Amino acid sequence: MALDAVIRSGVATAKDILLRGRLLVPISHWSYAGQNEYAEPVWTDPPVTRNALVENVNEIVRDPARGEIVARLVITLLEDVTVDTRDKLVLPSGVWTPIVRVNEGVLDMDSGRFLVQVYVE
């Protein structure tokens, strides 16, 4: 079995275990759509519900516009999805904070990315 098939299989198994073990939580992903006439951000409606692994961390992350920022959460999406730093990810509790950094994860030339990690304040 080729290495890419082994990795694909491992990610699928991990996702299945996390779903069955209730370690993945449903989050609402609101994609940034632009600004309104008052220069306020506008997001797509309705949001897309995604299952994510949410970890509490205290990690210093560099933001090009604001310098070093402490990320409080890492939200890992085990799917090929595009996340922009202007998007909004809302936790089941209704809480959302600005996205500081998006790690695109490992790229699979056949099926896209295996995962995306999002660091939030």
Protein backbone atom coordinates (compact mmCIF):
# COMPACT_ATOMS: atom_id res chain seq x y z
CA MET A 1 0.00 0.00 0.00
CA ALA A 2 1.38 3.40 -0.97
CA LEU A 3 2.12 5.98 1.71
CA ASP A 4 -0.67 8.32 0.55
CA ALA A 5 -3.23 5.50 0.90
CA VAL A 6 -1.94 4.70 4.40
CA ILE A 7 -2.28 8.35 5.46
CA ARG A 8 -5.78 8.64 3.92
CA SER A 9 -6.85 5.49 5.72
CA GLY A 10 -5.38 6.71 9.03
CA VAL A 11 -7.16 10.06 8.82
CA ALA A 12 -10.47 8.36 7.99
CA THR A 13 -10.03 5.98 10.95
CA ALA A 14 -9.14 8.84 13.32
CA LYS A 15 -12.16 10.84 12.17
CA ASP A 16 -14.44 7.83 12.73
CA ILE A 17 -13.03 7.21 16.23
CA LEU A 18 -13.34 10.89 17.16
CA LEU A 19 -16.95 11.03 15.93
CA ARG A 20 -17.97 7.87 17.78
CA GLY A 21 -16.14 9.00 20.91
CA ARG A 22 -17.92 12.36 20.78
CA LEU A 23 -14.61 14.21 20.73
CA LEU A 24 -15.62 16.18 17.65
CA VAL A 25 -18.04 19.01 18.33
CA PRO A 26 -20.33 20.71 15.81
CA ILE A 27 -19.26 24.26 15.00
CA SER A 28 -20.87 26.82 12.71
CA HIS A 29 -18.63 28.10 9.91
CA TRP A 30 -19.62 31.52 8.60
CA SER A 31 -17.57 32.42 5.50
CA TYR A 32 -16.59 36.06 5.04
CA ALA A 33 -18.63 37.62 2.22
CA GLY A 34 -17.40 41.24 2.28
CA GLN A 35 -18.53 44.49 3.87
CA ASN A 36 -21.83 46.32 4.03
CA GLU A 37 -22.35 50.03 3.30
CA TYR A 38 -21.08 50.87 6.82
CA ALA A 39 -17.81 48.94 6.28
CA GLU A 40 -18.92 46.24 8.74
CA PRO A 41 -18.06 42.61 7.96
CA VAL A 42 -20.77 40.46 6.37
CA TRP A 43 -20.76 36.64 6.51
CA THR A 44 -22.64 34.07 4.44
CA ASP A 45 -25.98 33.00 5.80
CA PRO A 46 -26.79 30.27 6.71
CA PRO A 47 -23.53 28.94 8.15
CA VAL A 48 -22.16 25.47 7.38
CA THR A 49 -22.09 23.04 10.32
CA ARG A 50 -18.77 21.19 10.57
CA ASN A 51 -17.40 18.67 13.07
CA ALA A 52 -14.18 19.86 14.71
CA LEU A 53 -11.68 18.88 17.35
CA VAL A 54 -11.35 21.86 19.71
CA GLU A 55 -8.23 22.08 21.90
CA ASN A 56 -7.42 24.58 24.64
CA VAL A 57 -3.91 25.96 24.12
CA ASN A 58 -1.87 28.98 25.07
CA GLU A 59 0.38 29.38 22.08
CA ILE A 60 2.04 32.53 20.79
CA VAL A 61 1.18 33.06 17.14
CA ARG A 62 2.48 35.80 14.84
CA ASP A 63 -0.16 37.92 13.14
CA PRO A 64 1.25 40.09 10.31
CA ALA A 65 -0.93 43.07 11.25
CA ARG A 66 -0.89 42.84 15.06
CA GLY A 67 2.40 41.13 15.97
CA GLU A 68 2.49 38.31 18.51
CA ILE A 69 -0.86 37.13 19.86
CA VAL A 70 -1.72 34.34 22.28
CA ALA A 71 -3.99 31.78 20.63
CA ARG A 72 -6.41 30.26 23.16
CA LEU A 73 -7.92 27.51 20.98
CA VAL A 74 -6.90 25.33 18.05
CA ILE A 75 -9.86 24.16 15.98
CA THR A 76 -8.97 21.18 13.78
CA LEU A 77 -11.24 20.37 10.85
CA LEU A 78 -10.64 16.85 9.48
CA GLU A 79 -11.77 17.74 5.97
CA ASP A 80 -10.71 19.72 2.94
CA VAL A 81 -12.22 23.12 3.61
CA THR A 82 -11.08 26.67 2.93
CA VAL A 83 -10.94 28.92 5.99
CA ASP A 84 -10.00 32.59 5.78
CA THR A 85 -8.81 34.66 8.75
CA ARG A 86 -11.92 36.86 8.22
CA ASP A 87 -14.30 33.88 8.60
CA LYS A 88 -16.21 33.24 11.80
CA LEU A 89 -16.19 29.86 13.57
CA VAL A 90 -18.86 29.67 16.28
CA LEU A 91 -18.57 27.04 19.02
CA PRO A 92 -21.64 25.17 20.36
CA SER A 93 -21.67 27.58 23.32
CA GLY A 94 -22.22 30.48 20.90
CA VAL A 95 -18.73 31.90 21.52
CA TRP A 96 -16.51 33.07 18.67
CA THR A 97 -13.23 34.96 18.66
CA PRO A 98 -11.04 36.29 15.84
CA ILE A 99 -9.03 33.83 13.79
CA VAL A 100 -5.31 34.45 14.18
CA ARG A 101 -3.79 31.85 11.86
CA VAL A 102 -4.87 29.07 9.51
CA ASN A 103 -2.60 26.08 8.89
CA GLU A 104 -3.56 24.39 5.64
CA GLY A 105 -2.39 20.96 6.78
CA VAL A 106 -1.10 18.13 4.62
CA LEU A 107 -2.01 18.32 0.93
CA ASP A 108 -3.18 15.17 -0.85
CA MET A 109 -2.96 15.65 -4.62
CA ASP A 110 -5.86 13.22 -5.18
CA SER A 111 -8.42 14.33 -2.61
CA GLY A 112 -7.30 17.72 -1.27
CA ARG A 113 -6.17 18.48 2.28
CA PHE A 114 -6.46 15.96 5.10
CA LEU A 115 -7.08 18.62 7.74
CA VAL A 116 -7.08 22.34 8.47
CA GLN A 117 -6.00 23.85 11.81
CA VAL A 118 -7.39 27.21 12.86
CA TYR A 119 -5.87 29.21 15.74
CA VAL A 120 -8.23 31.63 17.49
CA GLU A 121 -7.78 34.18 20.27
